Amino acid sequence: MKAPEYERADLLSVAIRRGTEELRAPVDRIEVADRGARVDCWAGSRQVSFAVTYEQGGRYESEGHDGAPPSGRFLPMPGSGSWNVIVIAGPPPPGVIARLLSWFRSR
């Protein structure tokens, strides 16, 4: 694990990159909410929200000590984790609004 300010910088970098992909526009506003458990990104008036998780890097013990069978326990490697963001609310997929408008016009 890094110092908290560097962890936050990594989290924001991941959120901005993913927000740009989801919104298909540069992110011009970002907010960290729920004590860091959620990140909201805006591009103009469009918004996307992400749930935030941290996955610690490491490995599972595959060999026992002194000939003992492996315990299978997780052995973390400090500084080897990564931030992941999962979309929990976002803009509608492309074409949905156009289809709705054409449906209303056909009525």
N, C-alpha and C. Protein backbone atom coordinates (compact mmCIF):
# COMPACT_ATOMS: atom_id res chain seq x y z
N MET A 1 0.85 -1.17 0.00
CA MET A 1 0.00 0.00 0.00
C MET A 1 0.89 1.23 0.00
N LYS A 2 0.50 2.21 -0.77
CA LYS A 2 1.22 3.48 -0.84
C LYS A 2 0.66 4.44 0.21
N ALA A 3 1.27 5.61 0.30
CA ALA A 3 0.72 6.66 1.15
C ALA A 3 -0.67 7.03 0.63
N PRO A 4 -1.59 7.41 1.53
CA PRO A 4 -2.97 7.69 1.11
C PRO A 4 -3.12 8.67 -0.04
N GLU A 5 -2.30 9.72 -0.07
CA GLU A 5 -2.46 10.70 -1.15
C GLU A 5 -2.11 10.11 -2.51
N TYR A 6 -1.19 9.15 -2.54
CA TYR A 6 -0.84 8.50 -3.81
C TYR A 6 -1.89 7.47 -4.20
N GLU A 7 -2.47 6.81 -3.22
CA GLU A 7 -3.57 5.88 -3.52
C GLU A 7 -4.74 6.65 -4.11
N ARG A 8 -5.07 7.82 -3.54
CA ARG A 8 -6.17 8.62 -4.06
C ARG A 8 -5.87 9.08 -5.48
N ALA A 9 -4.63 9.45 -5.75
CA ALA A 9 -4.25 9.87 -7.11
C ALA A 9 -4.43 8.72 -8.09
N ASP A 10 -4.05 7.50 -7.70
CA ASP A 10 -4.25 6.33 -8.57
C ASP A 10 -5.73 6.09 -8.81
N LEU A 11 -6.54 6.18 -7.77
CA LEU A 11 -7.99 5.98 -7.90
C LEU A 11 -8.59 7.00 -8.86
N LEU A 12 -8.23 8.27 -8.72
CA LEU A 12 -8.77 9.31 -9.60
C LEU A 12 -8.33 9.10 -11.04
N SER A 13 -7.12 8.66 -11.24
CA SER A 13 -6.63 8.39 -12.59
C SER A 13 -7.46 7.30 -13.26
N VAL A 14 -7.72 6.22 -12.54
CA VAL A 14 -8.53 5.12 -13.08
C VAL A 14 -9.96 5.60 -13.35
N ALA A 15 -10.53 6.36 -12.43
CA ALA A 15 -11.91 6.84 -12.60
C ALA A 15 -12.04 7.80 -13.78
N ILE A 16 -11.08 8.69 -13.95
CA ILE A 16 -11.13 9.64 -15.08
C ILE A 16 -10.99 8.90 -16.40
N ARG A 17 -10.07 7.94 -16.47
CA ARG A 17 -9.90 7.17 -17.71
C ARG A 17 -11.17 6.40 -18.05
N ARG A 18 -11.76 5.74 -17.07
CA ARG A 18 -12.98 4.96 -17.32
C ARG A 18 -14.17 5.88 -17.59
N GLY A 19 -14.24 7.02 -16.89
CA GLY A 19 -15.32 7.98 -17.13
C GLY A 19 -15.29 8.52 -18.54
N THR A 20 -14.10 8.79 -19.05
CA THR A 20 -13.95 9.27 -20.43
C THR A 20 -14.44 8.21 -21.41
N GLU A 21 -14.12 6.95 -21.14
CA GLU A 21 -14.59 5.86 -22.02
C GLU A 21 -16.11 5.75 -22.00
N GLU A 22 -16.70 5.79 -20.81
CA GLU A 22 -18.15 5.61 -20.68
C GLU A 22 -18.94 6.80 -21.23
N LEU A 23 -18.46 8.00 -20.98
CA LEU A 23 -19.17 9.20 -21.39
C LEU A 23 -18.85 9.62 -22.83
N ARG A 24 -17.79 9.05 -23.39
CA ARG A 24 -17.33 9.38 -24.74
C ARG A 24 -17.07 10.87 -24.90
N ALA A 25 -16.52 11.45 -23.84
CA ALA A 25 -16.17 12.87 -23.82
C ALA A 25 -15.21 13.09 -22.65
N PRO A 26 -14.44 14.17 -22.71
CA PRO A 26 -13.54 14.45 -21.59
C PRO A 26 -14.31 14.72 -20.29
N VAL A 27 -13.83 14.19 -19.20
CA VAL A 27 -14.44 14.42 -17.89
C VAL A 27 -14.09 15.84 -17.46
N ASP A 28 -15.12 16.63 -17.10
CA ASP A 28 -14.84 17.99 -16.65
C ASP A 28 -15.16 18.20 -15.18
N ARG A 29 -15.70 17.17 -14.51
CA ARG A 29 -15.97 17.26 -13.08
C ARG A 29 -15.92 15.86 -12.49
N ILE A 30 -15.37 15.74 -11.30
CA ILE A 30 -15.28 14.44 -10.63
C ILE A 30 -15.53 14.64 -9.15
N GLU A 31 -16.23 13.68 -8.53
CA GLU A 31 -16.53 13.77 -7.10
C GLU A 31 -16.35 12.40 -6.47
N VAL A 32 -15.65 12.37 -5.36
CA VAL A 32 -15.49 11.13 -4.59
C VAL A 32 -16.52 11.19 -3.46
N ALA A 33 -17.37 10.17 -3.36
CA ALA A 33 -18.46 10.18 -2.38
C ALA A 33 -18.45 8.90 -1.56
N ASP A 34 -19.30 8.86 -0.56
CA ASP A 34 -19.45 7.69 0.31
C ASP A 34 -18.12 7.21 0.86
N ARG A 35 -17.32 8.15 1.36
CA ARG A 35 -16.01 7.84 1.96
C ARG A 35 -15.09 7.08 1.01
N GLY A 36 -15.16 7.43 -0.25
CA GLY A 36 -14.28 6.81 -1.24
C GLY A 36 -14.84 5.55 -1.86
N ALA A 37 -16.07 5.16 -1.53
CA ALA A 37 -16.65 3.94 -2.09
C ALA A 37 -17.33 4.17 -3.44
N ARG A 38 -17.55 5.46 -3.80
CA ARG A 38 -18.21 5.78 -5.07
C ARG A 38 -17.53 6.99 -5.68
N VAL A 39 -17.41 6.98 -7.00
CA VAL A 39 -16.87 8.12 -7.74
C VAL A 39 -17.87 8.48 -8.82
N ASP A 40 -18.20 9.78 -8.90
CA ASP A 40 -19.10 10.29 -9.93
C ASP A 40 -18.29 11.16 -10.88
N CYS A 41 -18.49 10.97 -12.18
CA CYS A 41 -17.81 11.77 -13.21
C CYS A 41 -18.87 12.42 -14.10
N TRP A 42 -18.60 13.64 -14.51
CA TRP A 42 -19.48 14.37 -15.42
C TRP A 42 -18.73 14.83 -16.64
N ALA A 43 -19.42 14.83 -17.77
CA ALA A 43 -18.98 15.47 -19.01
C ALA A 43 -20.17 16.31 -19.45
N GLY A 44 -20.09 17.60 -19.18
CA GLY A 44 -21.26 18.45 -19.42
C GLY A 44 -22.35 18.07 -18.44
N SER A 45 -23.53 17.74 -18.97
CA SER A 45 -24.64 17.36 -18.09
C SER A 45 -24.77 15.84 -17.94
N ARG A 46 -23.97 15.08 -18.66
CA ARG A 46 -24.03 13.62 -18.57
C ARG A 46 -23.16 13.14 -17.41
N GLN A 47 -23.66 12.12 -16.71
CA GLN A 47 -22.97 11.63 -15.52
C GLN A 47 -22.84 10.11 -15.55
N VAL A 48 -21.77 9.61 -14.96
CA VAL A 48 -21.60 8.19 -14.75
C VAL A 48 -21.10 8.00 -13.32
N SER A 49 -21.59 6.96 -12.64
CA SER A 49 -21.18 6.67 -11.27
C SER A 49 -20.50 5.31 -11.23
N PHE A 50 -19.47 5.22 -10.41
CA PHE A 50 -18.70 3.99 -10.28
C PHE A 50 -18.65 3.54 -8.83
N ALA A 51 -18.74 2.24 -8.62
CA ALA A 51 -18.39 1.65 -7.33
C ALA A 51 -16.90 1.39 -7.38
N VAL A 52 -16.22 1.61 -6.28
CA VAL A 52 -14.76 1.52 -6.23
C VAL A 52 -14.33 0.33 -5.39
N THR A 53 -13.41 -0.46 -5.91
CA THR A 53 -12.83 -1.56 -5.14
C THR A 53 -11.32 -1.54 -5.30
N TYR A 54 -10.64 -2.08 -4.31
CA TYR A 54 -9.19 -2.21 -4.38
C TYR A 54 -8.86 -3.69 -4.31
N GLU A 55 -8.13 -4.16 -5.30
CA GLU A 55 -7.75 -5.57 -5.32
C GLU A 55 -6.27 -5.68 -4.96
N GLN A 56 -6.02 -6.29 -3.82
CA GLN A 56 -4.66 -6.45 -3.34
C GLN A 56 -3.95 -7.52 -4.17
N GLY A 57 -2.76 -7.20 -4.64
CA GLY A 57 -1.96 -8.18 -5.37
C GLY A 57 -1.28 -9.13 -4.41
N GLY A 58 -0.93 -10.27 -4.89
CA GLY A 58 -0.26 -11.27 -4.06
C GLY A 58 -0.36 -12.64 -4.70
N ARG A 59 -0.18 -13.62 -3.89
CA ARG A 59 -0.27 -14.99 -4.39
C ARG A 59 -0.78 -15.89 -3.28
N TYR A 60 -1.24 -17.06 -3.66
CA TYR A 60 -1.65 -18.06 -2.68
C TYR A 60 -0.47 -19.00 -2.41
N GLU A 61 -0.31 -19.34 -1.17
CA GLU A 61 0.80 -20.21 -0.79
C GLU A 61 0.63 -21.56 -1.47
N SER A 62 1.62 -21.92 -2.27
CA SER A 62 1.52 -23.19 -3.01
C SER A 62 2.43 -24.27 -2.44
N GLU A 63 3.32 -23.90 -1.53
CA GLU A 63 4.21 -24.88 -0.92
C GLU A 63 4.17 -24.72 0.59
N GLY A 64 4.14 -25.81 1.28
CA GLY A 64 4.18 -25.77 2.73
C GLY A 64 5.61 -25.59 3.23
N HIS A 65 5.75 -25.25 4.47
CA HIS A 65 7.06 -25.10 5.08
C HIS A 65 7.50 -26.42 5.69
N ASP A 66 8.77 -26.77 5.50
CA ASP A 66 9.35 -27.98 6.09
C ASP A 66 8.57 -29.24 5.73
N GLY A 67 8.15 -29.32 4.47
CA GLY A 67 7.47 -30.52 4.00
C GLY A 67 5.99 -30.60 4.34
N ALA A 68 5.45 -29.57 5.00
CA ALA A 68 4.01 -29.58 5.33
C ALA A 68 3.21 -29.29 4.06
N PRO A 69 1.98 -29.76 4.01
CA PRO A 69 1.15 -29.46 2.83
C PRO A 69 0.88 -27.96 2.74
N PRO A 70 0.62 -27.44 1.52
CA PRO A 70 0.35 -26.01 1.37
C PRO A 70 -0.93 -25.61 2.11
N SER A 71 -0.88 -24.43 2.69
CA SER A 71 -2.05 -23.95 3.45
C SER A 71 -3.09 -23.30 2.54
N GLY A 72 -2.66 -22.83 1.37
CA GLY A 72 -3.58 -22.16 0.46
C GLY A 72 -3.93 -20.75 0.90
N ARG A 73 -3.23 -20.24 1.89
CA ARG A 73 -3.55 -18.88 2.36
C ARG A 73 -2.98 -17.84 1.41
N PHE A 74 -3.60 -16.67 1.43
CA PHE A 74 -3.21 -15.58 0.55
C PHE A 74 -2.05 -14.82 1.18
N LEU A 75 -1.01 -14.59 0.39
CA LEU A 75 0.16 -13.85 0.85
C LEU A 75 0.21 -12.53 0.07
N PRO A 76 -0.20 -11.41 0.70
CA PRO A 76 -0.22 -10.13 -0.01
C PRO A 76 1.18 -9.64 -0.32
N MET A 77 1.27 -8.93 -1.44
CA MET A 77 2.53 -8.29 -1.83
C MET A 77 2.31 -6.79 -1.73
N PRO A 78 2.92 -6.13 -0.74
CA PRO A 78 2.69 -4.70 -0.54
C PRO A 78 2.98 -3.89 -1.81
N GLY A 79 2.07 -2.95 -2.10
CA GLY A 79 2.24 -2.07 -3.25
C GLY A 79 1.86 -2.68 -4.58
N SER A 80 1.30 -3.90 -4.57
CA SER A 80 1.01 -4.57 -5.83
C SER A 80 -0.47 -4.61 -6.18
N GLY A 81 -1.30 -3.89 -5.44
CA GLY A 81 -2.73 -3.90 -5.72
C GLY A 81 -3.11 -2.92 -6.81
N SER A 82 -4.40 -2.93 -7.18
CA SER A 82 -4.88 -2.00 -8.20
C SER A 82 -6.32 -1.59 -7.90
N TRP A 83 -6.67 -0.39 -8.33
CA TRP A 83 -8.03 0.12 -8.17
C TRP A 83 -8.88 -0.33 -9.34
N ASN A 84 -10.11 -0.69 -9.05
CA ASN A 84 -11.07 -1.06 -10.09
C ASN A 84 -12.33 -0.25 -9.88
N VAL A 85 -12.92 0.18 -10.98
CA VAL A 85 -14.18 0.90 -10.92
C VAL A 85 -15.22 0.13 -11.74
N ILE A 86 -16.41 0.02 -11.18
CA ILE A 86 -17.50 -0.71 -11.81
C ILE A 86 -18.66 0.26 -12.01
N VAL A 87 -19.19 0.34 -13.22
CA VAL A 87 -20.28 1.27 -13.51
C VAL A 87 -21.52 0.84 -12.74
N ILE A 88 -22.09 1.77 -11.96
CA ILE A 88 -23.34 1.48 -11.25
C ILE A 88 -24.50 2.32 -11.78
N ALA A 89 -24.19 3.42 -12.46
CA ALA A 89 -25.21 4.25 -13.11
C ALA A 89 -24.51 5.08 -14.17
N GLY A 90 -25.08 5.12 -15.34
CA GLY A 90 -24.41 5.87 -16.40
C GLY A 90 -25.36 6.34 -17.46
N PRO A 91 -24.80 6.91 -18.50
CA PRO A 91 -25.63 7.40 -19.60
C PRO A 91 -26.24 6.22 -20.36
N PRO A 92 -27.36 6.44 -21.02
CA PRO A 92 -27.95 5.36 -21.81
C PRO A 92 -27.03 4.97 -22.96
N PRO A 93 -27.11 3.73 -23.40
CA PRO A 93 -26.28 3.31 -24.53
C PRO A 93 -26.59 4.14 -25.78
N PRO A 94 -25.63 4.29 -26.69
CA PRO A 94 -25.88 5.07 -27.90
C PRO A 94 -27.06 4.51 -28.68
N GLY A 95 -27.87 5.38 -29.20
CA GLY A 95 -28.99 4.96 -30.03
C GLY A 95 -30.30 4.80 -29.28
N VAL A 96 -30.27 4.67 -27.97
CA VAL A 96 -31.51 4.47 -27.20
C VAL A 96 -32.39 5.71 -27.30
N ILE A 97 -31.82 6.87 -27.13
CA ILE A 97 -32.61 8.10 -27.19
C ILE A 97 -33.14 8.32 -28.60
N ALA A 98 -32.33 8.06 -29.60
CA ALA A 98 -32.78 8.21 -30.99
C ALA A 98 -33.95 7.27 -31.29
N ARG A 99 -33.88 6.03 -30.81
CA ARG A 99 -34.99 5.08 -31.04
C ARG A 99 -36.26 5.54 -30.33
N LEU A 100 -36.11 6.08 -29.11
CA LEU A 100 -37.29 6.58 -28.39
C LEU A 100 -37.92 7.75 -29.13
N LEU A 101 -37.10 8.67 -29.62
CA LEU A 101 -37.64 9.81 -30.36
C LEU A 101 -38.33 9.38 -31.64
N SER A 102 -37.75 8.43 -32.37
CA SER A 102 -38.40 7.97 -33.60
C SER A 102 -39.71 7.24 -33.28
N TRP A 103 -39.74 6.54 -32.16
CA TRP A 103 -40.99 5.85 -31.77
C TRP A 103 -42.08 6.88 -31.48
N PHE A 104 -41.73 7.97 -30.76
CA PHE A 104 -42.72 9.00 -30.45
C PHE A 104 -43.20 9.71 -31.72
N ARG A 105 -42.29 9.94 -32.67
CA ARG A 105 -42.66 10.61 -33.92
C ARG A 105 -43.59 9.75 -34.77
N SER A 106 -43.45 8.44 -34.67
CA SER A 106 -44.28 7.54 -35.47
C SER A 106 -45.69 7.43 -34.93
N ARG A 107 -45.95 7.94 -33.78
CA ARG A 107 -47.28 7.85 -33.16
C ARG A 107 -48.18 8.92 -33.66
